[in-house]
Protein backbone atom coordinates (compact mmCIF):
# COMPACT_ATOMS: atom_id res chain seq x y z
CA MET A 1 -107.60 -13.81 -128.04
CA PRO A 2 -110.72 -13.16 -125.95
CA GLY A 3 -113.86 -12.00 -127.47
CA GLY A 4 -112.87 -13.57 -130.82
CA LEU A 5 -110.32 -10.41 -131.74
CA HIS A 6 -107.44 -11.73 -133.72
CA LEU A 7 -104.38 -9.68 -134.33
CA ARG A 8 -101.87 -10.66 -137.01
CA ALA A 9 -98.35 -9.09 -137.22
CA MET A 10 -97.50 -7.58 -140.28
CA ASP A 11 -94.92 -9.44 -142.30
CA TRP A 12 -92.53 -6.95 -143.41
CA SER A 13 -90.66 -9.22 -145.63
CA ARG A 14 -93.86 -9.18 -147.99
CA PRO A 15 -94.48 -6.22 -150.43
CA LEU A 16 -96.91 -3.74 -149.08
CA SER A 17 -99.99 -3.17 -151.04
CA SER A 18 -100.02 -0.38 -153.63
CA SER A 19 -103.15 0.87 -151.91
CA LEU A 20 -101.44 1.28 -148.54
CA LEU A 21 -98.80 3.42 -150.28
CA LEU A 22 -101.44 5.59 -151.94
CA VAL A 23 -103.09 6.54 -148.65
CA PRO A 24 -100.12 8.92 -147.24
CA LEU A 25 -99.62 10.14 -150.59
CA ALA A 26 -103.28 11.19 -150.92
CA VAL A 27 -102.95 12.70 -147.39
CA LEU A 28 -99.89 14.89 -148.40
CA LEU A 29 -101.62 16.07 -151.55
CA VAL A 30 -104.68 17.28 -149.51
CA THR A 31 -102.92 18.78 -146.55
CA GLY A 32 -99.66 19.94 -148.47
CA CYS A 33 -101.47 22.36 -150.47
CA GLU A 34 -103.11 24.03 -147.75
CA ARG A 35 -101.11 27.20 -146.24
CA GLY A 36 -103.14 27.74 -143.19
CA GLY A 37 -105.84 29.67 -145.10
CA GLN A 38 -103.24 32.24 -146.14
CA LEU A 39 -103.58 33.79 -149.60
CA VAL A 40 -100.41 34.33 -151.57
CA PRO A 41 -100.50 37.41 -153.93
CA ASP A 42 -99.58 37.23 -157.62
CA ALA A 43 -97.10 40.16 -157.04
CA TRP A 44 -96.00 42.27 -154.34
CA VAL A 45 -96.64 46.01 -154.31
CA ASP A 46 -94.31 48.44 -152.54
CA ALA A 47 -96.16 50.70 -149.83
CA PRO A 48 -96.84 54.16 -151.03
CA ALA A 49 -93.95 56.84 -150.09
CA PRO A 50 -95.26 59.08 -147.30
CA THR A 51 -96.55 62.45 -148.48
CA HIS A 52 -97.06 65.87 -146.60
CA THR A 53 -99.30 68.67 -147.50
CA PRO A 54 -97.85 72.07 -146.52
CA ARG A 55 -99.63 73.84 -143.69
CA PRO A 56 -100.19 77.68 -143.10
CA LEU A 57 -97.74 79.56 -141.00
CA PRO A 58 -98.41 79.15 -137.30
CA GLU A 59 -99.75 82.36 -135.84
CA PRO A 60 -97.19 84.55 -134.15
CA SER A 61 -97.12 84.33 -130.44
CA TRP A 62 -95.31 85.88 -127.26
CA ASP A 63 -92.37 87.98 -128.44
CA ALA A 64 -93.59 87.96 -132.12
CA GLN A 65 -96.70 89.71 -130.89
CA SER A 66 -94.93 92.55 -129.00
CA PRO A 67 -95.09 96.16 -130.43
CA GLY A 68 -92.31 96.65 -132.78
CA SER A 69 -91.61 93.00 -133.28
CA ASP A 70 -92.46 93.08 -136.98
CA GLY A 71 -93.79 89.62 -137.05
CA SER A 72 -92.23 86.21 -136.09
CA LEU A 73 -88.72 84.70 -136.66
CA LEU A 74 -90.37 81.90 -138.82
CA ALA A 75 -92.43 84.39 -140.93
CA SER A 76 -89.55 86.48 -141.80
CA TYR A 77 -88.17 83.53 -143.86
CA ALA A 78 -91.51 82.63 -145.56
CA ASP A 79 -90.84 84.79 -148.77
CA ARG A 80 -87.29 83.56 -149.24
CA SER A 81 -86.05 80.83 -151.51
CA PRO A 82 -83.82 78.05 -150.65
CA ASN A 83 -80.23 78.25 -151.64
CA LYS A 84 -78.95 75.91 -154.63
CA GLN A 85 -77.49 72.72 -153.60
CA GLU A 86 -73.95 73.36 -155.10
CA GLU A 87 -74.10 76.75 -152.94
CA VAL A 88 -75.00 74.76 -149.83
CA GLU A 89 -72.32 72.23 -150.34
CA ARG A 90 -69.65 74.95 -150.28
CA TRP A 91 -70.55 76.20 -146.91
CA GLN A 92 -68.03 76.05 -144.26
CA LEU A 93 -67.66 76.28 -140.51
CA PRO A 94 -67.88 79.08 -138.81
CA TRP A 95 -68.37 81.36 -141.71
CA GLN A 96 -71.73 80.23 -142.99
CA SER A 97 -73.16 79.04 -139.78
CA ARG A 98 -75.93 81.53 -139.84
CA ALA A 99 -76.60 80.69 -143.35
CA ALA A 100 -77.29 77.07 -142.54
CA ILE A 101 -79.62 78.05 -139.73
CA ALA A 102 -81.35 80.36 -142.23
CA GLU A 103 -81.70 77.53 -144.77
CA LEU A 104 -83.39 75.28 -142.17
CA LEU A 105 -85.68 78.14 -141.15
CA ILE A 106 -86.70 78.56 -144.88
CA VAL A 107 -87.45 74.98 -144.94
CA ALA A 108 -89.66 75.19 -141.84
CA ALA A 109 -91.46 78.32 -143.09
CA ASP A 110 -92.24 76.39 -146.39
CA ASP A 111 -93.26 73.34 -144.25
CA ASP A 112 -91.09 71.21 -146.65
CA PRO A 113 -89.80 68.00 -144.86
CA ALA A 114 -88.07 66.97 -147.94
CA GLY A 115 -85.78 69.94 -147.89
CA MET A 116 -84.48 69.18 -144.25
CA GLY A 117 -82.41 66.50 -145.53
CA ARG A 118 -80.25 69.19 -147.43
CA ILE A 119 -79.04 70.81 -144.32
CA LEU A 120 -79.65 68.12 -141.47
CA SER A 121 -77.06 65.50 -140.79
CA SER A 122 -77.61 61.95 -141.35
CA ASN A 123 -78.19 61.34 -137.54
CA ALA A 124 -79.68 64.62 -136.82
CA ARG A 125 -81.50 64.78 -133.13
CA TRP A 126 -83.66 67.17 -131.57
CA GLY A 127 -84.46 67.97 -127.96
CA LEU A 128 -84.16 70.19 -125.11
CA PRO A 129 -81.91 73.53 -125.76
CA ASP A 130 -79.17 71.98 -123.65
CA ARG A 131 -75.41 71.16 -124.87
CA ARG A 132 -75.87 67.86 -123.07
CA GLN A 133 -78.67 67.16 -125.55
CA PHE A 134 -81.05 66.24 -122.80
CA GLN A 135 -84.03 64.34 -123.89
CA SER A 136 -82.83 64.09 -127.55
CA ARG A 137 -84.35 61.81 -129.97
CA PRO A 138 -83.88 61.36 -133.83
CA VAL A 139 -85.54 63.77 -136.35
CA PHE A 140 -86.41 60.77 -138.74
CA THR A 141 -87.80 57.64 -137.45
CA LYS A 142 -89.46 54.52 -138.74
CA ASP A 143 -92.88 55.80 -137.63
CA ASP A 144 -92.27 59.48 -138.61
CA PRO A 145 -89.85 59.02 -141.78
CA LEU A 146 -90.51 62.52 -142.77
CA GLY A 147 -89.75 64.30 -139.33
CA ILE A 148 -93.18 65.83 -139.21
CA GLU A 149 -93.10 65.92 -135.28
CA PHE A 150 -89.65 67.93 -135.25
CA LEU A 151 -90.79 70.05 -138.07
CA SER A 152 -94.03 70.93 -136.36
CA ALA A 153 -92.09 71.74 -133.03
CA LEU A 154 -89.61 73.89 -134.78
CA ARG A 155 -92.36 75.96 -136.57
CA THR A 156 -94.08 76.44 -133.29
CA SER A 157 -90.91 77.46 -131.57
CA ALA A 158 -89.74 79.87 -134.27
CA SER A 159 -93.16 81.59 -134.24
CA ARG A 160 -92.74 82.69 -130.56
CA PHE A 161 -89.48 84.65 -131.44
CA LYS A 162 -89.68 88.05 -132.92
CA LYS A 163 -87.91 88.81 -136.36
CA ARG A 164 -84.83 90.27 -134.89
CA ALA A 165 -84.41 88.09 -131.76
CA LYS A 166 -81.11 88.18 -130.02
CA PHE A 167 -78.65 85.80 -131.82
CA ILE A 168 -75.46 84.48 -130.20
CA LEU A 169 -72.85 82.41 -132.12
CA GLU A 170 -70.44 81.23 -129.51
CA PRO A 171 -69.28 84.38 -127.90
CA LEU A 172 -65.61 83.21 -127.20
CA PRO A 173 -62.40 85.16 -128.13
CA GLY A 174 -60.87 83.93 -131.07
CA PHE A 175 -63.46 81.30 -131.74
CA GLU A 176 -63.17 81.73 -135.37
CA MET A 177 -59.58 80.53 -135.31
CA PHE A 178 -60.66 77.39 -133.54
CA ALA A 179 -63.36 76.45 -135.92
CA ALA A 180 -61.25 77.42 -138.99
CA SER A 181 -58.71 74.92 -137.85
CA GLY A 182 -61.16 72.16 -137.57
CA ALA A 183 -62.66 72.51 -133.98
CA GLU A 184 -66.37 71.39 -133.94
CA PRO A 185 -69.01 71.57 -133.00
CA VAL A 186 -70.35 75.10 -133.23
CA TRP A 187 -73.29 76.20 -131.37
CA ALA A 188 -75.57 79.33 -132.31
CA SER A 189 -78.80 80.26 -130.40
CA TYR A 190 -81.85 82.60 -130.52
CA PHE A 191 -83.07 83.98 -127.20
CA SER A 192 -86.32 85.57 -126.28
CA ASP A 193 -86.21 88.99 -124.75
CA ASP A 194 -86.38 87.78 -121.09
CA GLY A 195 -84.07 84.92 -122.02
CA GLN A 196 -86.35 82.02 -120.87
CA ASP A 197 -87.17 80.59 -124.33
CA VAL A 198 -84.15 79.49 -126.46
CA LEU A 199 -83.97 78.01 -129.83
CA ALA A 200 -80.36 76.41 -130.32
CA PHE A 201 -78.59 74.75 -133.22
CA ARG A 202 -75.36 72.61 -133.12
CA MET A 203 -73.39 72.32 -136.35
CA ILE A 204 -70.58 69.93 -137.45
CA VAL A 205 -68.93 68.95 -140.56
CA GLU A 206 -70.18 65.79 -142.22
CA GLY A 207 -68.69 64.36 -145.44
CA GLY A 208 -66.76 67.89 -146.13
CA GLN A 209 -70.17 69.79 -145.75
CA LEU A 210 -71.70 72.03 -143.08
CA LYS A 211 -74.74 70.18 -141.44
CA ILE A 212 -76.92 71.00 -138.36
CA ASP A 213 -76.53 68.04 -136.09
CA TYR A 214 -78.92 68.86 -133.32
CA VAL A 215 -81.67 71.49 -132.72
CA GLY A 216 -82.60 72.31 -129.21
CA LEU A 217 -85.91 73.92 -128.45
CA PHE A 218 -89.06 73.96 -126.09
CA VAL A 219 -92.22 72.75 -127.77
CA GLU A 220 -94.05 74.92 -125.20
CA ARG A 221 -92.59 78.24 -123.84
CA PRO A 222 -91.41 77.54 -120.36
CA ARG A 223 -92.86 79.45 -117.63
CA GLY A 224 -89.47 80.21 -115.82
CA MET A 225 -85.78 79.47 -116.01
CA LEU A 226 -85.21 75.76 -116.53
CA ARG A 227 -82.02 74.11 -115.05
CA VAL A 228 -81.31 70.38 -115.44
CA SER A 229 -78.97 68.91 -112.59
CA SER A 230 -75.76 67.33 -113.70
CA GLU A 231 -76.75 64.25 -111.63
CA ILE A 232 -79.53 63.64 -114.13
CA ALA A 233 -78.06 64.67 -117.43
CA GLY A 234 -74.44 64.77 -116.69
CA ASP A 235 -71.69 67.28 -116.89
CA PRO A 236 -71.87 69.64 -120.10
CA PRO A 237 -69.22 69.11 -122.66
CA PRO A 238 -66.42 71.83 -122.83
CA THR A 239 -67.57 75.19 -124.26
CA ILE A 240 -64.21 75.28 -126.41
CA PRO A 241 -64.61 72.62 -129.01
CA LEU A 242 -61.87 70.18 -129.71
CA VAL A 243 -59.39 70.74 -132.70
CA LYS A 244 -59.39 67.86 -135.03
CA ALA A 245 -55.71 67.56 -136.01
CA GLU A 246 -54.40 65.06 -138.59
CA VAL A 247 -52.36 62.33 -137.19
CA SER A 248 -49.55 60.75 -139.16
CA LEU A 249 -49.06 56.79 -138.70
CA ALA A 250 -45.80 56.94 -140.83
CA PRO A 251 -42.61 56.20 -138.65
CA PRO A 252 -40.44 59.08 -137.70
CA LYS A 253 -37.81 59.97 -140.04
CA SER A 254 -34.12 58.85 -139.09
CA LYS A 255 -31.52 61.52 -138.22
CA SER A 256 -28.89 62.27 -140.86
CA LYS A 257 -25.46 60.56 -140.57
CA SER A 258 -23.47 63.47 -142.18
CA THR A 259 -22.58 64.52 -138.61
CA PRO A 260 -21.56 61.77 -136.26
CA GLU A 261 -22.67 61.73 -132.68
CA PRO A 262 -20.00 62.22 -130.19
CA SER A 263 -20.16 58.50 -129.11
CA GLU A 264 -19.54 57.54 -132.77
CA GLN A 265 -16.20 59.85 -133.17
CA THR A 266 -12.81 58.00 -133.12
CA ASP A 267 -10.03 58.60 -130.56
CA GLU A 268 -7.95 60.46 -133.26
CA GLU A 269 -10.69 62.89 -134.08
CA THR A 270 -11.25 63.52 -130.39
CA GLU A 271 -7.55 64.13 -130.07
CA GLY A 272 -7.23 66.39 -133.13
């Protein structure tokens, strides 16, 4: 070879030197124990559960400040105690609709996010007071597991309505008959004196229990009547709720053979 460099091919038929085998093993021992500088804890500790400190009642505003208002709608529930769980579980639509709304307002006045789970559905949402649930979002989220954003908005909204604000529970003829036969949802709303501010509640039956499924409100009081075009939010659902009738999958019962059909009668029976 030029320059006196001599290369000799390795003879793979001869056993390798033990020193050659120890080289990669040593490299493995050195590099294999390294985890990119990451420290592995001796034990995993769960993150602490989120907590919430109750806040004072919001100051009354708008209608709640008008003469003769006797305070806000929210403040009127501040001195009331929540109902017992077994009592809440017996409520039915539409008979205890207003009781369910009152229960949520008691929880809001107490600023108790843990109590919302007793009366809200598992997939409860909130947004604008529109039956199309425009701009709705979940009450409980990964970033807000206690639903504090919704609870704060509800407290602010209910503080604008006076104690005896106008309340409407689906003013339809014979609505109780529809609801008692299983029709849902049931809508109920509070209105400001000028009708521009609305606090709406949508109620359903979940797991055999009355639950509030949607709360519609304005975080800030609107300056005028708001109308959302159907081209943006779609057509509203029917005002009269659908009746949930049980559907039987059993085959229909066969007719009795005691009286033969005309086609089954013999000639003698026909002549007689």
